Protein backbone atom coordinates (compact mmCIF):
# COMPACT_ATOMS: atom_id res chain seq x y z
CA UNK A 1 -18.07 93.86 71.58
CA UNK A 2 -17.74 91.18 74.23
CA UNK A 3 -14.73 92.91 75.89
CA UNK A 4 -16.29 96.05 77.44
CA UNK A 5 -19.46 94.16 78.41
CA UNK A 6 -17.42 91.57 80.25
CA UNK A 7 -15.30 94.24 81.87
CA UNK A 8 -18.47 95.94 83.14
CA UNK A 9 -19.66 92.76 84.87
CA UNK A 10 -17.67 93.15 88.13
CA UNK A 11 -18.95 96.72 88.36
CA UNK A 12 -22.52 95.51 87.90
CA UNK A 13 -21.99 92.86 90.52
CA UNK A 14 -20.65 95.49 92.91
CA UNK A 15 -23.67 97.67 92.18
CA UNK A 16 -25.99 94.75 92.75
CA UNK A 17 -24.24 94.00 95.99
CA UNK A 18 -24.60 97.63 97.02
CA UNK A 19 -28.30 97.53 96.18
CA UNK A 20 -28.73 94.36 98.20
CA UNK A 21 -26.91 95.96 101.14
CA UNK A 22 -28.97 99.15 100.89
CA UNK A 23 -32.17 97.11 100.63
CA UNK A 24 -31.08 95.15 103.67
CA UNK A 25 -30.37 98.32 105.65
CA UNK A 26 -33.73 99.71 104.68
CA UNK A 27 -35.37 96.50 105.78
CA UNK A 28 -33.56 96.37 109.07
CA UNK A 29 -34.86 99.88 109.73
CA UNK A 30 -38.38 98.72 108.91
CA UNK A 31 -38.15 95.54 110.94
CA UNK A 32 -36.80 97.60 113.79
CA UNK A 33 -39.85 99.80 113.93
CA UNK A 34 -42.04 96.68 113.80
CA UNK A 35 -39.96 94.84 116.41
CA UNK A 36 -41.90 93.90 119.55
CA UNK A 37 -39.47 95.80 121.72
CA UNK A 38 -37.27 98.72 120.69
CA UNK A 39 -33.97 99.30 122.47
CA UNK A 40 -32.18 102.59 121.75
CA UNK A 41 -29.62 104.84 123.26
CA UNK A 42 -30.43 108.58 123.22
CA UNK A 43 -28.15 111.04 124.98
CA UNK A 44 -27.32 109.55 128.36
CA UNK A 45 -30.44 107.38 128.43
CA UNK A 46 -31.11 103.79 127.47
CA UNK A 47 -34.70 103.59 126.25
CA UNK A 48 -36.86 100.46 126.22
CA UNK A 49 -40.08 100.75 124.22
CA UNK A 50 -42.64 97.94 124.45
CA UNK A 51 -44.03 97.82 120.93
CA UNK A 52 -46.97 95.41 120.69
CA UNK A 53 -49.80 97.97 120.77
CA UNK A 54 -52.38 95.54 119.36
CA UNK A 55 -51.65 93.18 122.25
CA UNK A 56 -51.58 96.11 124.73
CA UNK A 57 -47.79 95.62 124.87
CA UNK A 58 -48.11 92.25 126.61
CA UNK A 59 -44.69 90.74 127.38
CA UNK A 60 -43.65 87.57 125.61
CA UNK A 61 -40.48 85.52 126.05
CA UNK A 62 -38.58 86.96 123.04
CA UNK A 63 -39.16 90.50 124.41
CA UNK A 64 -37.98 89.48 127.87
CA UNK A 65 -34.88 87.85 126.36
CA UNK A 66 -34.01 91.08 124.56
CA UNK A 67 -34.64 93.45 127.47
CA UNK A 68 -32.72 91.53 130.16
CA UNK A 69 -29.23 91.53 128.54
CA UNK A 70 -29.73 95.15 127.43
CA UNK A 71 -30.42 96.31 130.99
CA UNK A 72 -27.34 94.40 132.15
CA UNK A 73 -25.21 96.01 129.41
CA UNK A 74 -26.48 99.53 130.14
CA UNK A 75 -25.82 98.97 133.82
CA UNK A 76 -22.13 98.40 133.00
CA UNK A 77 -21.87 101.20 130.42
CA UNK A 78 -20.29 104.38 131.87
CA UNK A 79 -22.04 106.47 129.17
CA UNK A 80 -25.54 105.33 130.19
CA UNK A 81 -26.84 107.32 133.15
CA UNK A 82 -30.44 106.16 133.36
CA UNK A 83 -32.90 103.72 131.82
CA UNK A 84 -36.40 104.65 130.64
CA UNK A 85 -39.15 102.12 129.86
CA UNK A 86 -42.41 103.01 128.10
CA UNK A 87 -45.11 101.53 125.86
CA UNK A 88 -46.49 102.47 122.43
CA UNK A 89 -50.06 102.87 121.20
CA UNK A 90 -51.48 105.26 123.78
CA UNK A 91 -53.71 102.66 125.50
CA UNK A 92 -51.34 100.62 127.60
CA UNK A 93 -47.91 100.68 129.19
CA UNK A 94 -48.08 96.88 129.45
CA UNK A 95 -51.22 94.87 130.18
CA UNK A 96 -49.35 91.80 131.46
CA UNK A 97 -47.57 88.68 130.31
CA UNK A 98 -48.46 86.81 127.13
CA UNK A 99 -50.72 84.34 128.91
CA UNK A 100 -52.11 82.70 125.76
CA UNK A 101 -48.68 81.50 124.66
CA UNK A 102 -48.12 79.96 128.11
CA UNK A 103 -51.49 78.18 127.99
CA UNK A 104 -50.74 76.68 124.58
CA UNK A 105 -47.33 75.53 125.83
CA UNK A 106 -48.77 74.07 129.02
CA UNK A 107 -51.30 71.97 127.13
CA UNK A 108 -48.55 70.19 125.17
CA UNK A 109 -45.99 70.08 128.00
CA UNK A 110 -43.71 72.60 126.28
CA UNK A 111 -40.75 74.05 128.21
CA UNK A 112 -42.11 77.61 127.74
CA UNK A 113 -44.09 77.12 130.98
CA UNK A 114 -40.74 77.12 132.79
CA UNK A 115 -38.71 79.39 130.52
CA UNK A 116 -41.25 82.22 130.50
CA UNK A 117 -41.41 82.52 134.28
CA UNK A 118 -37.65 82.07 134.70
CA UNK A 119 -37.02 84.84 132.17
CA UNK A 120 -39.69 87.14 133.55
CA UNK A 121 -38.67 86.82 137.20
CA UNK A 122 -34.98 87.28 136.36
CA UNK A 123 -35.95 90.47 134.53
CA UNK A 124 -37.97 91.65 137.55
CA UNK A 125 -34.92 91.03 139.72
CA UNK A 126 -32.59 92.84 137.28
CA UNK A 127 -34.86 95.89 137.53
CA UNK A 128 -35.08 95.62 141.32
CA UNK A 129 -31.30 95.50 141.67
CA UNK A 130 -30.41 97.87 138.80
CA UNK A 131 -27.60 100.26 139.76
CA UNK A 132 -28.67 102.87 137.21
CA UNK A 133 -31.77 104.97 137.90
CA UNK A 134 -34.73 103.27 136.21
CA UNK A 135 -37.73 105.37 135.14
CA UNK A 136 -40.98 103.65 134.12
CA UNK A 137 -43.56 105.79 132.32
CA UNK A 138 -46.70 103.84 133.26
CA UNK A 139 -49.13 105.66 130.99
CA UNK A 140 -52.29 103.59 130.43
CA UNK A 141 -53.06 99.99 131.42
CA UNK A 142 -50.39 98.59 133.75
CA UNK A 143 -51.24 95.12 135.02
CA UNK A 144 -49.51 91.90 136.06
CA UNK A 145 -46.29 91.58 134.05
CA UNK A 146 -46.45 95.32 133.29
CA UNK A 147 -46.28 96.02 137.01
CA UNK A 148 -43.31 93.64 137.22
CA UNK A 149 -41.24 95.68 134.75
CA UNK A 150 -42.04 98.99 136.48
CA UNK A 151 -42.76 98.77 140.22
CA UNK A 152 -39.33 97.41 141.20
CA UNK A 153 -37.54 100.37 139.59
CA UNK A 154 -36.59 103.66 141.30
CA UNK A 155 -39.17 105.90 139.62
CA UNK A 156 -42.69 105.10 138.40
CA UNK A 157 -44.51 107.93 136.66
CA UNK A 158 -48.30 107.55 136.53
CA UNK A 159 -50.67 109.70 134.46
CA UNK A 160 -54.43 110.34 134.40
CA UNK A 161 -54.62 107.37 131.96
CA UNK A 162 -52.94 104.84 134.28
CA UNK A 163 -55.00 101.81 135.27
CA UNK A 164 -53.23 99.53 137.75
CA UNK A 165 -54.33 96.03 138.78
CA UNK A 166 -53.03 92.63 139.80
CA UNK A 167 -55.98 90.58 138.47
CA UNK A 168 -54.42 87.10 138.62
CA UNK A 169 -56.77 85.40 141.10
CA UNK A 170 -59.50 85.72 138.43
CA UNK A 171 -57.51 83.49 136.05
CA UNK A 172 -56.31 80.83 138.47
CA UNK A 173 -52.90 82.39 139.03
CA UNK A 174 -51.54 84.62 141.84
CA UNK A 175 -50.12 88.19 141.86
CA UNK A 176 -46.61 87.21 140.80
CA UNK A 177 -43.72 89.25 139.27
CA UNK A 178 -42.69 90.16 142.82
CA UNK A 179 -46.22 90.88 144.08
CA UNK A 180 -45.28 88.95 147.21
CA UNK A 181 -42.68 91.67 147.81
CA UNK A 182 -44.36 94.98 146.95
CA UNK A 183 -48.00 94.29 147.88
CA UNK A 184 -47.52 93.52 151.61
CA UNK A 185 -45.25 96.58 151.86
CA UNK A 186 -48.06 99.00 150.91
CA UNK A 187 -49.70 100.73 153.87
CA UNK A 188 -52.05 98.71 156.10
CA UNK A 189 -53.65 95.75 154.37
CA UNK A 190 -54.30 97.53 151.07
CA UNK A 191 -51.83 95.25 149.23
CA UNK A 192 -53.65 92.15 150.44
CA UNK A 193 -56.92 93.68 149.28
CA UNK A 194 -55.51 94.54 145.82
CA UNK A 195 -53.89 91.11 145.41
CA UNK A 196 -56.93 89.06 146.45
CA UNK A 197 -59.68 91.06 144.73
CA UNK A 198 -57.83 92.41 141.67
CA UNK A 199 -59.29 95.88 142.39
CA UNK A 200 -58.32 98.49 139.78
CA UNK A 201 -56.72 101.77 140.76
CA UNK A 202 -56.79 104.68 138.34
CA UNK A 203 -54.79 107.85 137.75
CA UNK A 204 -53.67 109.70 140.85
CA UNK A 205 -54.77 106.85 143.14
CA UNK A 206 -51.86 104.78 141.79
CA UNK A 207 -49.57 107.45 143.29
CA UNK A 208 -51.56 107.72 146.51
CA UNK A 209 -51.28 103.99 147.19
CA UNK A 210 -47.50 104.06 146.62
CA UNK A 211 -47.30 102.06 143.38
CA UNK A 212 -46.24 105.21 141.49
CA UNK A 213 -43.69 107.73 142.76
CA UNK A 214 -44.81 110.63 140.54
CA UNK A 215 -47.89 111.87 138.71
CA UNK A 216 -47.53 113.74 135.40
CA UNK A 217 -50.09 114.65 132.73
CA UNK A 218 -49.95 112.18 129.86
CA UNK A 219 -49.41 114.89 127.23
CA UNK A 220 -46.32 116.14 129.07
CA UNK A 221 -44.51 112.78 128.88
CA UNK A 222 -42.70 113.46 125.55
CA UNK A 223 -41.27 116.71 126.99
CA UNK A 224 -40.32 114.94 130.21
CA UNK A 225 -38.58 112.19 128.26
CA UNK A 226 -36.66 114.78 126.23
CA UNK A 227 -35.50 116.49 129.43
CA UNK A 228 -34.48 113.16 130.98
CA UNK A 229 -32.41 112.33 127.88
CA UNK A 230 -30.70 115.75 128.04
CA UNK A 231 -29.55 115.38 131.67
CA UNK A 232 -25.76 115.34 131.98
CA UNK A 233 -24.49 112.47 134.19
CA UNK A 234 -27.39 112.95 136.60
CA UNK A 235 -27.62 111.66 140.15
CA UNK A 236 -30.83 110.05 141.40
CA UNK A 237 -31.56 113.33 143.19
CA UNK A 238 -31.27 115.28 139.92
CA UNK A 239 -33.69 112.89 138.22
CA UNK A 240 -36.08 113.16 141.17
CA UNK A 241 -35.90 116.97 140.95
CA UNK A 242 -36.76 116.88 137.27
CA UNK A 243 -39.69 114.51 137.86
CA UNK A 244 -40.89 116.72 140.72
CA UNK A 245 -40.81 119.75 138.43
CA UNK A 246 -43.27 117.96 136.11
CA UNK A 247 -45.52 116.84 138.96
CA UNK A 248 -49.16 117.64 138.21
CA UNK A 249 -51.28 119.14 140.99
CA UNK A 250 -54.71 118.87 139.32
CA UNK A 251 -57.18 117.00 141.56
CA UNK A 252 -54.50 116.71 144.21
CA UNK A 253 -57.05 117.34 146.98
CA UNK A 254 -59.34 114.58 145.76
CA UNK A 255 -59.78 111.80 148.30
CA UNK A 256 -58.09 108.45 147.66
CA UNK A 257 -60.78 106.18 146.16
CA UNK A 258 -60.55 103.69 149.05
CA UNK A 259 -60.11 106.26 151.83
CA UNK A 260 -63.51 105.75 153.41
CA UNK A 261 -63.00 101.96 153.39
CA UNK A 262 -59.42 101.83 154.68
CA UNK A 263 -60.40 101.02 158.25
CA UNK A 264 -62.53 98.11 157.08
CA UNK A 265 -59.85 96.88 154.63
CA UNK A 266 -57.24 96.91 157.40
CA UNK A 267 -59.37 94.90 159.79
CA UNK A 268 -61.13 92.55 157.35
CA UNK A 269 -58.00 91.61 155.41
CA UNK A 270 -55.80 91.07 158.44
CA UNK A 271 -57.21 87.59 159.06
CA UNK A 272 -54.88 84.58 158.96
CA UNK A 273 -56.91 82.48 156.52
CA UNK A 274 -59.21 82.99 153.55
CA UNK A 275 -62.05 81.30 155.43
CA UNK A 276 -61.62 83.83 158.20
CA UNK A 277 -61.59 86.76 155.77
CA UNK A 278 -64.86 85.47 154.26
CA UNK A 279 -66.36 85.04 157.73
CA UNK A 280 -65.36 88.59 158.70
CA UNK A 281 -66.86 89.99 155.48
CA UNK A 282 -70.15 88.17 156.15
CA UNK A 283 -70.23 89.36 159.76
CA UNK A 284 -69.53 92.94 158.71
CA UNK A 285 -72.48 92.91 156.33
CA UNK A 286 -71.91 96.48 155.01
CA UNK A 287 -72.46 97.16 151.28
CA UNK A 288 -68.67 97.44 150.88
CA UNK A 289 -68.08 94.06 152.59
CA UNK A 290 -70.83 92.38 150.56
CA UNK A 291 -69.30 93.68 147.33
CA UNK A 292 -65.89 92.24 148.30
CA UNK A 293 -67.52 88.93 149.18
CA UNK A 294 -69.16 88.82 145.75
CA UNK A 295 -65.78 89.49 144.08
CA UNK A 296 -63.92 86.91 146.17
CA UNK A 297 -66.58 84.28 145.39
CA UNK A 298 -65.77 84.63 141.68
CA UNK A 299 -62.04 83.99 142.15
CA UNK A 300 -60.24 80.65 142.07
CA UNK A 301 -60.33 79.28 145.66
CA UNK A 302 -56.88 77.75 145.09
CA UNK A 303 -55.50 81.08 143.87
CA UNK A 304 -56.93 82.91 146.87
CA UNK A 305 -55.28 80.53 149.35
CA UNK A 306 -51.93 80.59 147.52
CA UNK A 307 -52.05 84.41 147.30
CA UNK A 308 -52.84 85.02 150.96
CA UNK A 309 -49.95 82.82 152.04
CA UNK A 310 -47.63 84.29 149.36
CA UNK A 311 -48.27 87.83 150.67
CA UNK A 312 -48.01 86.89 154.35
CA UNK A 313 -44.68 85.13 153.78
CA UNK A 314 -43.38 87.69 151.30
CA UNK A 315 -43.82 90.49 153.84
CA UNK A 316 -40.57 89.48 155.55
CA UNK A 317 -38.62 88.17 152.55
CA UNK A 318 -36.13 89.82 150.19
CA UNK A 319 -37.19 90.36 146.56
CA UNK A 320 -34.94 87.43 145.56
CA UNK A 321 -36.56 85.07 148.08
CA UNK A 322 -40.00 86.21 146.93
CA UNK A 323 -39.24 85.53 143.26
CA UNK A 324 -37.94 82.06 144.14
CA UNK A 325 -41.12 81.35 146.11
CA UNK A 326 -43.24 82.68 143.24
CA UNK A 327 -41.44 80.49 140.71
CA UNK A 328 -42.41 77.43 142.79
CA UNK A 329 -46.02 78.64 142.83
CA UNK A 330 -46.00 79.32 139.07
CA UNK A 331 -44.94 75.73 138.39
CA UNK A 332 -47.64 74.39 140.72
CA UNK A 333 -50.22 76.45 138.77
CA UNK A 334 -48.87 75.11 135.45
CA UNK A 335 -49.52 71.58 136.68
CA UNK A 336 -52.97 72.39 138.07
CA UNK A 337 -56.44 72.93 136.59
CA UNK A 338 -57.55 76.45 137.48
CA UNK A 339 -55.04 78.47 135.43
CA UNK A 340 -56.11 76.81 132.16
CA UNK A 341 -59.79 77.09 133.09
CA UNK A 342 -59.46 80.72 134.20
CA UNK A 343 -57.73 81.80 131.00
CA UNK A 344 -60.31 79.90 128.95
CA UNK A 345 -63.22 81.63 130.72
CA UNK A 346 -61.78 85.15 130.91
CA UNK A 347 -59.53 85.51 127.84
CA UNK A 348 -60.41 82.83 125.27
CA UNK A 349 -64.14 81.91 125.34
CA UNK A 350 -64.89 85.04 127.41
CA UNK A 351 -67.95 83.41 129.01
CA UNK A 352 -66.68 84.74 132.39
CA UNK A 353 -67.90 81.62 134.19
CA UNK A 354 -64.92 79.48 135.14
CA UNK A 355 -65.55 76.10 136.76
CA UNK A 356 -62.92 76.03 139.48
CA UNK A 357 -61.59 72.74 140.88
CA UNK A 358 -61.83 72.57 143.87
CA UNK A 359 -64.88 74.86 143.79
CA UNK A 360 -64.84 75.93 147.44
CA UNK A 361 -62.20 77.35 149.80
CA UNK A 362 -62.85 74.54 152.33
CA UNK A 363 -61.87 71.98 149.71
CA UNK A 364 -58.38 73.45 149.17
CA UNK A 365 -56.40 71.59 151.81
CA UNK A 366 -53.49 73.02 153.79
CA UNK A 367 -51.48 70.02 152.61
CA UNK A 368 -52.09 70.98 148.96
CA UNK A 369 -51.06 74.59 149.65
CA UNK A 370 -47.93 73.45 151.53
CA UNK A 371 -46.92 71.34 148.53
CA UNK A 372 -47.11 74.32 146.18
CA UNK A 373 -44.55 76.17 148.33
CA UNK A 374 -42.07 73.28 148.52
CA UNK A 375 -38.55 73.80 147.07
CA UNK A 376 -37.99 72.29 143.63
CA UNK A 377 -34.40 71.17 144.21
CA UNK A 378 -32.41 71.50 140.97
CA UNK A 379 -35.45 73.02 139.28
CA UNK A 380 -35.58 76.01 141.67
CA UNK A 381 -35.18 79.51 140.18
CA UNK A 382 -31.57 80.68 140.14
CA UNK A 383 -31.14 84.45 140.15
């Protein structure tokens, strides 16, 4: 009796092994769909899907570390003709960077406070220099880090659900991820206004201001994506033609939300210092100016001064120089008080009443600001 049973053992083992392998394959499929970022190749397109819907697809370091090498690989691959980035969940494209993780790291002196910004800014640069056409479908909330993984690419497709903002001055930070590059390049002083006040733009206004390049109805995005995937070795022009063919004309005649205030924005935000901007707003006295004053008074005075200088200097810098400057600023903020206090007040305790230190613009010295912009020697960002 023992003979046949023993002889069957290797077969059983093989079956077991097969089951284990099948189980493993099944699992890897499951873990893939629950992965925080999905990277797939469909047709001629490399597709990046930000997949943290509960966190509004906020970017964390592991996601950044997966996306960066994949973009570099697709850039070299002759069978990849374009790259598409999108978010899941229907609410957000990407609401920003994973600020909470950085706060926790900063409190205990963990290296994440350096590694996160190094990784994020390198990714921003990879997108800004990408040789393959890069299409960002910015459907829903697109703020901070979400702007960084979209605005530097060739094509940015907004929808009626898009909400754009760079809200960093409210949490003791500054509009980073290359904000020093793209904000001062928007028309007039609108970029300075957006960066200092964190004003939110919605829907078609994101196109009108120049953050988006196209405007498509949200429900048409799956069809657009399908058509992009089906393109045969397309040129940038071919991709642009396809995007243009999807362009939505509803509400096209509607005035840009800030149209009536543009003249004021251009004059009020052209001042050389924050104190001067505040003085101009007070002198102006209009309801619009008073509202901006109220907003600015809620922001971190340190952040406001860093941001104004960042944008003024960034206006004549390359994207690479801007990201290096911003890395220096990020490290100054990690060592300071306001970032931790801002995140506590806005995101953690949600009492919305941060106690800034220093509490007034006059108390933030030029010397302090100068120090934040100083090179870091060996610690400087290498791109």
